[in-house]
Structures are given as structure tokens and as C-alpha cells.
Amino acid sequence: MPGKSASRNKTELFLDGAGISRALTRIAHEILEHNRGAENVALVGVLTRGATLAKRLQALIEKIEGAKVELGLMDINLYRDDATTRLDQPVIQRTDILFDVVDKNIVLVDDVLYSGRTIRAAIEQLIDFGRPRSIQLAVLVDRGHRELPIRADYVGKNIPTNRTDRVNVHLDEDDGDDSISIERGAGK
């Protein structure tokens, strides 16, 4: 039940599968309304869960609009501003943007917006592919605590958190179920 807290592990469930589905449907409609349809819109998902969400949004927009929407996937690890300060070597995945981004309305998709650093890296990488008409941002969760002046255009759920909380986004394709929960005091 959303909002219930398990006192043993201080985990709060915020959205279940139905809630995530409703949030994504709303985001799909908002993207279409803002861009006056799907023409010239492309989605780029940040690996891993942002890519999964982008695929879901692509299917929803194509169902609503009856038009094909291009989809790209990106790994931003090489563009992170903390790459040299991290102890572990980043695992580099693929970036697949197999369409021309020039003059397109690109919607970057990620699961959680926190400091803004991931999105800064995604924008930097995207611009290396060309100059889009616009770059918009869709996130499933905005948890606050920005370190950079970045704001999402489309948000599934605003969830107030402390810096020490951990937001867990589980998606069926990656984790076997759909849910968003917060572990209070569990770390970033």
C-alpha cells in the first residue's frame, strides 16, 4: 500500500505498478501536448532504467498518436564530472543514437532526478551528436537536492527526501516488479 512504512527497515512504498503506469501515461500525454504531437520528437533514455522508461514512453506515445517515435539509449559514464574521483572503474555500456538529432525535440528520460549531474552529462553527450531544436527532460521521480540548475519538464512523482535516503526504482524489465520505494537513512 503506497505510503505505508515498514518500521523494521524504514522502507516506504511510494508507487506500485499501477501508479507507475499512470505516471508514465500522464508524461506521454504531456510530451505530446507540449510538442503539439509526436512529429519531430525523439526519446533518449539514460541507461539502465531511464532506457527502460524511454521504451515504455515510446510505446505509449506511438499508441496514443499512431506515429513512430525514434528511440536512443545512452551511457553517460564517460561524461560524468566525477569519473576521475571515483575509485571504481566505470562499466561502460553502449550508446545507441542511430538517428540524426539535429533540429529534433529530444526528450531525455531517466528514472530519478537528484543532483542534476547525470543529466548534465547526458546533455553534454547528446550535443556531441549534433544540435537538437530542444532538449527536454522526463523523469519518473524528482527527489530534490539539486547541485546544478536543472529542472525536469515532465515528472511522474515528486518525492521529498533527505540526502541520506535511498530511492529505489524497480522496473519489471530490469528487476522483476514495478515499484518505487524509499529507504530512509540508507545512503544516496
C-alpha atoms as a PDB file:
ATOM      1  CA  MET A   1       0.000   0.000   0.000  1.00  0.00           C
ATOM      2  CA  PRO A   2       1.606   3.315  -1.040  1.00  0.00           C
ATOM      3  CA  GLY A   3       2.724   5.494   1.831  1.00  0.00           C
ATOM      4  CA  LYS A   4       2.948   2.635   4.356  1.00  0.00           C
ATOM      5  CA  SER A   5       6.171   2.348   6.258  1.00  0.00           C
ATOM      6  CA  ALA A   6       7.813  -0.891   7.284  1.00  0.00           C
ATOM      7  CA  SER A   7       9.244   0.026  10.666  1.00  0.00           C
ATOM      8  CA  ARG A   8      11.821  -2.776  10.612  1.00  0.00           C
ATOM      9  CA  ASN A   9      13.739  -1.498   7.575  1.00  0.00           C
ATOM     10  CA  LYS A  10      12.364   2.056   7.342  1.00  0.00           C
ATOM     11  CA  THR A  11      11.251   1.479   3.742  1.00  0.00           C
ATOM     12  CA  GLU A  12       8.272   3.382   2.364  1.00  0.00           C
ATOM     13  CA  LEU A  13       6.490   2.283  -0.797  1.00  0.00           C
ATOM     14  CA  PHE A  14       5.525   5.344  -2.853  1.00  0.00           C
ATOM     15  CA  LEU A  15       4.253   3.892  -6.121  1.00  0.00           C
ATOM     16  CA  ASP A  16       3.248   0.422  -7.170  1.00  0.00           C
ATOM     17  CA  GLY A  17       2.978  -0.860 -10.743  1.00  0.00           C
ATOM     18  CA  ALA A  18      -0.396   0.779 -11.368  1.00  0.00           C
ATOM     19  CA  GLY A  19       0.902   4.118 -10.074  1.00  0.00           C
ATOM     20  CA  ILE A  20       3.982   3.946 -12.302  1.00  0.00           C
ATOM     21  CA  SER A  21       1.788   3.112 -15.287  1.00  0.00           C
ATOM     22  CA  ARG A  22      -0.467   6.105 -14.604  1.00  0.00           C
ATOM     23  CA  ALA A  23       2.547   8.408 -14.180  1.00  0.00           C
ATOM     24  CA  LEU A  24       4.063   7.282 -17.496  1.00  0.00           C
ATOM     25  CA  THR A  25       0.739   7.667 -19.316  1.00  0.00           C
ATOM     26  CA  ARG A  26       0.447  11.220 -17.976  1.00  0.00           C
ATOM     27  CA  ILE A  27       4.035  12.013 -19.012  1.00  0.00           C
ATOM     28  CA  ALA A  28       3.367  10.655 -22.517  1.00  0.00           C
ATOM     29  CA  HIS A  29       0.313  12.917 -22.867  1.00  0.00           C
ATOM     30  CA  GLU A  30       2.255  15.920 -21.527  1.00  0.00           C
ATOM     31  CA  ILE A  31       5.076  15.331 -24.032  1.00  0.00           C
ATOM     32  CA  LEU A  32       2.563  15.202 -26.875  1.00  0.00           C
ATOM     33  CA  GLU A  33       0.738  18.311 -25.665  1.00  0.00           C
ATOM     34  CA  HIS A  34       3.933  20.329 -25.185  1.00  0.00           C
ATOM     35  CA  ASN A  35       5.325  19.344 -28.596  1.00  0.00           C
ATOM     36  CA  ARG A  36       1.978  19.537 -30.412  1.00  0.00           C
ATOM     37  CA  GLY A  37       2.151  15.865 -31.343  1.00  0.00           C
ATOM     38  CA  ALA A  38       4.906  13.336 -31.960  1.00  0.00           C
ATOM     39  CA  GLU A  39       6.326  14.806 -35.155  1.00  0.00           C
ATOM     40  CA  ASN A  40       9.994  15.676 -34.697  1.00  0.00           C
ATOM     41  CA  VAL A  41      10.085  14.171 -31.160  1.00  0.00           C
ATOM     42  CA  ALA A  42      12.687  11.561 -30.225  1.00  0.00           C
ATOM     43  CA  LEU A  43      13.319   9.881 -26.876  1.00  0.00           C
ATOM     44  CA  VAL A  44      16.762   9.168 -25.424  1.00  0.00           C
ATOM     45  CA  GLY A  45      16.905   7.025 -22.312  1.00  0.00           C
ATOM     46  CA  VAL A  46      19.808   7.105 -19.859  1.00  0.00           C
ATOM     47  CA  LEU A  47      20.952   3.541 -19.188  1.00  0.00           C
ATOM     48  CA  THR A  48      19.723   1.497 -17.396  1.00  0.00           C
ATOM     49  CA  ARG A  49      16.293   2.309 -16.024  1.00  0.00           C
ATOM     50  CA  GLY A  50      15.948   5.546 -17.995  1.00  0.00           C
ATOM     51  CA  ALA A  51      16.288   3.470 -21.154  1.00  0.00           C
ATOM     52  CA  THR A  52      13.602   1.078 -19.936  1.00  0.00           C
ATOM     53  CA  LEU A  53      11.288   4.014 -19.178  1.00  0.00           C
ATOM     54  CA  ALA A  54      12.029   5.574 -22.588  1.00  0.00           C
ATOM     55  CA  LYS A  55      10.971   2.324 -24.289  1.00  0.00           C
ATOM     56  CA  ARG A  56       7.705   2.345 -22.323  1.00  0.00           C
ATOM     57  CA  LEU A  57       7.101   6.009 -23.207  1.00  0.00           C
ATOM     58  CA  GLN A  58       7.830   5.260 -26.863  1.00  0.00           C
ATOM     59  CA  ALA A  59       5.165   2.518 -26.871  1.00  0.00           C
ATOM     60  CA  LEU A  60       2.642   4.779 -25.109  1.00  0.00           C
ATOM     61  CA  ILE A  61       3.231   7.746 -27.433  1.00  0.00           C
ATOM     62  CA  GLU A  62       3.033   5.544 -30.526  1.00  0.00           C
ATOM     63  CA  LYS A  63      -0.240   4.036 -29.245  1.00  0.00           C
ATOM     64  CA  ILE A  64      -1.745   7.447 -28.432  1.00  0.00           C
ATOM     65  CA  GLU A  65      -0.521   9.283 -31.523  1.00  0.00           C
ATOM     66  CA  GLY A  66      -0.316   6.455 -34.049  1.00  0.00           C
ATOM     67  CA  ALA A  67       3.099   7.698 -35.201  1.00  0.00           C
ATOM     68  CA  LYS A  68       6.584   6.218 -34.892  1.00  0.00           C
ATOM     69  CA  VAL A  69       8.875   7.871 -32.348  1.00  0.00           C
ATOM     70  CA  GLU A  70      12.624   7.380 -32.599  1.00  0.00           C
ATOM     71  CA  LEU A  71      14.415   5.969 -29.575  1.00  0.00           C
ATOM     72  CA  GLY A  72      18.026   6.236 -28.465  1.00  0.00           C
ATOM     73  CA  LEU A  73      19.881   4.856 -25.466  1.00  0.00           C
ATOM     74  CA  MET A  74      22.916   6.415 -23.810  1.00  0.00           C
ATOM     75  CA  ASP A  75      25.549   5.511 -21.265  1.00  0.00           C
ATOM     76  CA  ILE A  76      26.859   8.719 -19.684  1.00  0.00           C
ATOM     77  CA  ASN A  77      29.707   7.197 -17.645  1.00  0.00           C
ATOM     78  CA  LEU A  78      32.473   8.726 -19.798  1.00  0.00           C
ATOM     79  CA  TYR A  79      30.831  12.163 -19.462  1.00  0.00           C
ATOM     80  CA  ARG A  80      30.479  12.164 -15.670  1.00  0.00           C
ATOM     81  CA  ASP A  81      32.270  15.001 -13.887  1.00  0.00           C
ATOM     82  CA  ASP A  82      33.241  12.654 -11.061  1.00  0.00           C
ATOM     83  CA  ALA A  83      34.809   9.944 -13.253  1.00  0.00           C
ATOM     84  CA  THR A  84      38.340  10.767 -12.072  1.00  0.00           C
ATOM     85  CA  THR A  85      37.382  10.870  -8.387  1.00  0.00           C
ATOM     86  CA  ARG A  86      35.554   7.544  -8.312  1.00  0.00           C
ATOM     87  CA  LEU A  87      37.546   4.591  -7.001  1.00  0.00           C
ATOM     88  CA  ASP A  88      35.893   2.014  -9.235  1.00  0.00           C
ATOM     89  CA  GLN A  89      36.373   1.969 -12.974  1.00  0.00           C
ATOM     90  CA  PRO A  90      33.011   2.670 -14.600  1.00  0.00           C
ATOM     91  CA  VAL A  91      31.406  -0.146 -16.541  1.00  0.00           C
ATOM     92  CA  ILE A  92      30.919   1.299 -19.999  1.00  0.00           C
ATOM     93  CA  GLN A  93      27.779   0.212 -21.793  1.00  0.00           C
ATOM     94  CA  ARG A  94      26.595   1.188 -25.226  1.00  0.00           C
ATOM     95  CA  THR A  95      25.241   4.424 -26.567  1.00  0.00           C
ATOM     96  CA  ASP A  96      22.843   3.878 -29.454  1.00  0.00           C
ATOM     97  CA  ILE A  97      21.535   7.046 -31.032  1.00  0.00           C
ATOM     98  CA  LEU A  98      21.000   5.873 -34.595  1.00  0.00           C
ATOM     99  CA  PHE A  99      19.122   8.909 -35.859  1.00  0.00           C
ATOM    100  CA  ASP A 100      20.056  12.499 -36.614  1.00  0.00           C
ATOM    101  CA  VAL A 101      19.423  14.644 -33.530  1.00  0.00           C
ATOM    102  CA  VAL A 102      19.814  17.906 -35.440  1.00  0.00           C
ATOM    103  CA  ASP A 103      16.649  20.015 -35.226  1.00  0.00           C
ATOM    104  CA  LYS A 104      14.754  17.356 -33.225  1.00  0.00           C
ATOM    105  CA  ASN A 105      12.931  17.840 -29.955  1.00  0.00           C
ATOM    106  CA  ILE A 106      14.831  15.366 -27.796  1.00  0.00           C
ATOM    107  CA  VAL A 107      13.290  14.134 -24.569  1.00  0.00           C
ATOM    108  CA  LEU A 108      15.941  12.754 -22.221  1.00  0.00           C
ATOM    109  CA  VAL A 109      14.439  10.105 -19.946  1.00  0.00           C
ATOM    110  CA  ASP A 110      15.808   8.986 -16.580  1.00  0.00           C
ATOM    111  CA  ASP A 111      14.400   7.274 -13.526  1.00  0.00           C
ATOM    112  CA  VAL A 112      15.462   9.617 -10.673  1.00  0.00           C
ATOM    113  CA  LEU A 113      16.491  13.274 -10.781  1.00  0.00           C
ATOM    114  CA  TYR A 114      18.726  14.065  -7.827  1.00  0.00           C
ATOM    115  CA  SER A 115      21.794  16.332  -8.053  1.00  0.00           C
ATOM    116  CA  GLY A 116      21.430  17.011 -11.794  1.00  0.00           C
ATOM    117  CA  ARG A 117      24.919  15.744 -12.605  1.00  0.00           C
ATOM    118  CA  THR A 118      23.728  12.714 -14.595  1.00  0.00           C
ATOM    119  CA  ILE A 119      21.528  14.954 -16.741  1.00  0.00           C
ATOM    120  CA  ARG A 120      24.366  17.446 -17.260  1.00  0.00           C
ATOM    121  CA  ALA A 121      26.496  14.567 -18.550  1.00  0.00           C
ATOM    122  CA  ALA A 122      23.649  13.348 -20.772  1.00  0.00           C
ATOM    123  CA  ILE A 123      23.169  16.818 -22.292  1.00  0.00           C
ATOM    124  CA  GLU A 124      26.901  17.121 -22.952  1.00  0.00           C
ATOM    125  CA  GLN A 125      26.977  13.726 -24.682  1.00  0.00           C
ATOM    126  CA  LEU A 126      23.831  14.456 -26.676  1.00  0.00           C
ATOM    127  CA  ILE A 127      25.268  17.711 -28.015  1.00  0.00           C
ATOM    128  CA  ASP A 128      28.261  15.730 -29.300  1.00  0.00           C
ATOM    129  CA  PHE A 129      25.757  14.072 -31.670  1.00  0.00           C
ATOM    130  CA  GLY A 130      24.547  17.432 -33.060  1.00  0.00           C
ATOM    131  CA  ARG A 131      22.374  20.407 -32.177  1.00  0.00           C
ATOM    132  CA  PRO A 132      18.800  19.460 -31.293  1.00  0.00           C
ATOM    133  CA  ARG A 133      15.995  22.015 -31.599  1.00  0.00           C
ATOM    134  CA  SER A 134      15.289  21.440 -27.907  1.00  0.00           C
ATOM    135  CA  ILE A 135      16.300  19.137 -25.085  1.00  0.00           C
ATOM    136  CA  GLN A 136      13.537  18.298 -22.627  1.00  0.00           C
ATOM    137  CA  LEU A 137      13.730  16.120 -19.532  1.00  0.00           C
ATOM    138  CA  ALA A 138      11.305  13.450 -18.324  1.00  0.00           C
ATOM    139  CA  VAL A 139      11.899  11.676 -15.012  1.00  0.00           C
ATOM    140  CA  LEU A 140       9.856   9.186 -13.080  1.00  0.00           C
ATOM    141  CA  VAL A 141      10.972  10.623  -9.703  1.00  0.00           C
ATOM    142  CA  ASP A 142      12.216  14.075  -8.718  1.00  0.00           C
ATOM    143  CA  ARG A 143      13.698  13.776  -5.231  1.00  0.00           C
ATOM    144  CA  GLY A 144      15.152  17.279  -4.948  1.00  0.00           C
ATOM    145  CA  HIS A 145      18.627  18.270  -3.677  1.00  0.00           C
ATOM    146  CA  ARG A 146      19.892  19.757  -6.947  1.00  0.00           C
ATOM    147  CA  GLU A 147      23.542  20.781  -7.236  1.00  0.00           C
ATOM    148  CA  LEU A 148      23.115  22.174 -10.749  1.00  0.00           C
ATOM    149  CA  PRO A 149      20.386  24.405 -12.219  1.00  0.00           C
ATOM    150  CA  ILE A 150      18.497  21.546 -13.897  1.00  0.00           C
ATOM    151  CA  ARG A 151      14.742  21.074 -13.806  1.00  0.00           C
ATOM    152  CA  ALA A 152      12.585  18.316 -15.293  1.00  0.00           C
ATOM    153  CA  ASP A 153       9.901  19.249 -17.822  1.00  0.00           C
ATOM    154  CA  TYR A 154       7.894  16.095 -17.067  1.00  0.00           C
ATOM    155  CA  VAL A 155       7.789  14.429 -13.628  1.00  0.00           C
ATOM    156  CA  GLY A 156       5.982  11.257 -12.650  1.00  0.00           C
ATOM    157  CA  LYS A 157       6.224  11.836  -8.896  1.00  0.00           C
ATOM    158  CA  ASN A 158       7.875  14.459  -6.685  1.00  0.00           C
ATOM    159  CA  ILE A 159       9.116  12.699  -3.564  1.00  0.00           C
ATOM    160  CA  PRO A 160      10.576  14.753  -0.721  1.00  0.00           C
ATOM    161  CA  THR A 161      13.714  13.082   0.579  1.00  0.00           C
ATOM    162  CA  ASN A 162      16.679  13.675   2.822  1.00  0.00           C
ATOM    163  CA  ARG A 163      20.155  13.402   1.334  1.00  0.00           C
ATOM    164  CA  THR A 164      20.671  10.216   3.359  1.00  0.00           C
ATOM    165  CA  ASP A 165      17.625   8.480   1.859  1.00  0.00           C
ATOM    166  CA  ARG A 166      17.898   5.974  -0.971  1.00  0.00           C
ATOM    167  CA  VAL A 167      15.247   5.997  -3.712  1.00  0.00           C
ATOM    168  CA  ASN A 168      14.724   2.536  -5.200  1.00  0.00           C
ATOM    169  CA  VAL A 169      13.087   2.312  -8.608  1.00  0.00           C
ATOM    170  CA  HIS A 170      12.247  -1.223  -9.641  1.00  0.00           C
ATOM    171  CA  LEU A 171      11.029  -1.909 -13.161  1.00  0.00           C
ATOM    172  CA  ASP A 172       9.669  -5.240 -14.316  1.00  0.00           C
ATOM    173  CA  GLU A 173      12.066  -5.490 -17.278  1.00  0.00           C
ATOM    174  CA  ASP A 174      15.143  -4.992 -15.061  1.00  0.00           C
ATOM    175  CA  ASP A 175      14.052  -6.114 -11.589  1.00  0.00           C
ATOM    176  CA  GLY A 176      11.002  -8.364 -11.935  1.00  0.00           C
ATOM    177  CA  ASP A 177       8.471  -5.905 -10.496  1.00  0.00           C
ATOM    178  CA  ASP A 178       7.344  -2.268 -10.745  1.00  0.00           C
ATOM    179  CA  SER A 179       7.673  -0.146  -7.610  1.00  0.00           C
ATOM    180  CA  ILE A 180       9.215   2.991  -6.174  1.00  0.00           C
ATOM    181  CA  SER A 181      10.263   2.969  -2.545  1.00  0.00           C
ATOM    182  CA  ILE A 182      12.477   4.975  -0.223  1.00  0.00           C
ATOM    183  CA  GLU A 183      14.844   3.567   2.368  1.00  0.00           C
ATOM    184  CA  ARG A 184      15.134   6.282   4.985  1.00  0.00           C
ATOM    185  CA  GLY A 185      18.705   6.919   6.098  1.00  0.00           C
ATOM    186  CA  ALA A 186      20.162   4.226   3.829  1.00  0.00           C
ATOM    187  CA  GLY A 187      22.563   6.463   1.873  1.00  0.00           C
ATOM    188  CA  LYS A 188      22.320   8.132  -1.539  1.00  0.00           C
END
